[in-house]
Amino acid sequence: NSVGRWAGYGYGGWQYPVAHFAAGPLRVGGIAGATHHYFFNDGGIVPLAAAVVTVPLTPTLALDLVGIPRIKNATYATLNLSLSWQFR
């Protein structure tokens, strides 16, 4: 992390299927939580939230898009793209 020490995280999230494709449901939702011991806020607690969209590519592979808004003097705006694979 930003200050080279341990950090704590606590998050919860939820997604709702909004459309169905042959590969699976397109899901939209969000996550919210908090982290601490980062450079911002002198290591104090920083709230974080993100919008999440999961796009199915195959029945076991999906593209996840996570958008984190900027919180002034606490976080940078971030767009994360990742692949998730479901073991069956």
Protein backbone atom coordinates (compact mmCIF):
# COMPACT_ATOMS: atom_id res chain seq x y z
CA ASN A 1 0.00 0.00 0.00
CA SER A 2 0.97 3.65 -0.09
CA VAL A 3 2.84 3.84 3.23
CA GLY A 4 4.53 0.42 3.28
CA ARG A 5 2.62 -1.11 6.20
CA TRP A 6 -0.38 -3.33 6.78
CA ALA A 7 -3.82 -2.04 5.83
CA GLY A 8 -7.42 -3.04 6.53
CA TYR A 9 -10.26 -3.32 4.06
CA GLY A 10 -13.97 -3.89 4.48
CA TYR A 11 -16.31 -3.98 1.48
CA GLY A 12 -19.74 -5.19 0.51
CA GLY A 13 -21.37 -5.27 -2.89
CA TRP A 14 -24.36 -6.29 -4.93
CA GLN A 15 -25.12 -6.85 -8.62
CA TYR A 16 -28.43 -7.13 -10.44
CA PRO A 17 -28.91 -8.92 -13.80
CA VAL A 18 -30.26 -6.40 -16.33
CA ALA A 19 -30.06 -8.38 -19.59
CA HIS A 20 -29.53 -12.00 -20.58
CA PHE A 21 -27.26 -13.26 -23.34
CA ALA A 22 -26.33 -16.75 -24.47
CA ALA A 23 -23.12 -16.50 -22.42
CA GLY A 24 -24.97 -15.37 -19.27
CA PRO A 25 -26.50 -12.30 -17.60
CA LEU A 26 -25.14 -8.76 -17.92
CA ARG A 27 -24.93 -7.58 -14.30
CA VAL A 28 -24.80 -4.02 -12.94
CA GLY A 29 -24.20 -3.04 -9.33
CA GLY A 30 -21.83 -1.46 -6.89
CA ILE A 31 -19.53 -1.93 -3.93
CA ALA A 32 -18.95 0.26 -0.90
CA GLY A 33 -16.64 0.08 2.05
CA ALA A 34 -13.62 1.57 3.75
CA THR A 35 -9.87 1.15 3.96
CA HIS A 36 -7.21 2.57 6.23
CA HIS A 37 -3.43 2.97 6.62
CA TYR A 38 -2.93 4.52 3.20
CA PHE A 39 -1.05 7.75 2.55
CA PHE A 40 -4.25 9.77 2.20
CA ASN A 41 -5.90 11.01 5.38
CA ASP A 42 -2.68 10.37 7.37
CA GLY A 43 -3.44 6.64 7.44
CA GLY A 44 -6.99 7.14 8.70
CA ILE A 45 -10.17 5.60 7.37
CA VAL A 46 -11.03 6.41 3.76
CA PRO A 47 -14.49 5.57 2.37
CA LEU A 48 -14.54 3.99 -1.07
CA ALA A 49 -17.30 3.13 -3.51
CA ALA A 50 -17.40 1.82 -7.05
CA ALA A 51 -19.81 1.04 -9.86
CA VAL A 52 -19.45 -2.48 -11.25
CA VAL A 53 -20.55 -3.93 -14.62
CA THR A 54 -19.97 -7.60 -15.45
CA VAL A 55 -20.21 -8.52 -19.14
CA PRO A 56 -20.40 -12.27 -19.91
CA LEU A 57 -18.04 -13.41 -22.68
CA THR A 58 -18.62 -17.17 -22.37
CA PRO A 59 -20.56 -19.22 -19.79
CA THR A 60 -17.41 -19.30 -17.59
CA LEU A 61 -15.54 -16.08 -18.57
CA ALA A 62 -16.63 -12.49 -17.92
CA LEU A 63 -15.21 -8.98 -18.32
CA ASP A 64 -15.54 -6.88 -15.16
CA LEU A 65 -15.49 -3.07 -15.36
CA VAL A 66 -15.08 -1.27 -12.04
CA GLY A 67 -15.26 2.54 -11.87
CA ILE A 68 -14.05 4.22 -8.68
CA PRO A 69 -14.90 7.94 -8.43
CA ARG A 70 -12.36 10.46 -7.14
CA ILE A 71 -12.76 11.56 -3.55
CA LYS A 72 -10.99 14.90 -3.13
CA ASN A 73 -7.75 14.50 -1.16
CA ALA A 74 -8.47 10.79 -0.60
CA THR A 75 -8.55 8.71 -3.81
CA TYR A 76 -7.88 8.92 -7.51
CA ALA A 77 -10.53 8.20 -10.12
CA THR A 78 -9.87 4.69 -11.40
CA LEU A 79 -11.28 2.43 -14.10
CA ASN A 80 -10.35 -1.22 -13.66
CA LEU A 81 -10.82 -3.84 -16.36
CA SER A 82 -10.40 -7.47 -15.36
CA LEU A 83 -11.33 -10.94 -16.48
CA SER A 84 -13.03 -13.34 -14.12
CA TRP A 85 -13.20 -17.05 -14.67
CA GLN A 86 -15.73 -19.29 -12.98
CA PHE A 87 -14.58 -22.81 -12.16
CA ARG A 88 -17.22 -25.42 -12.84
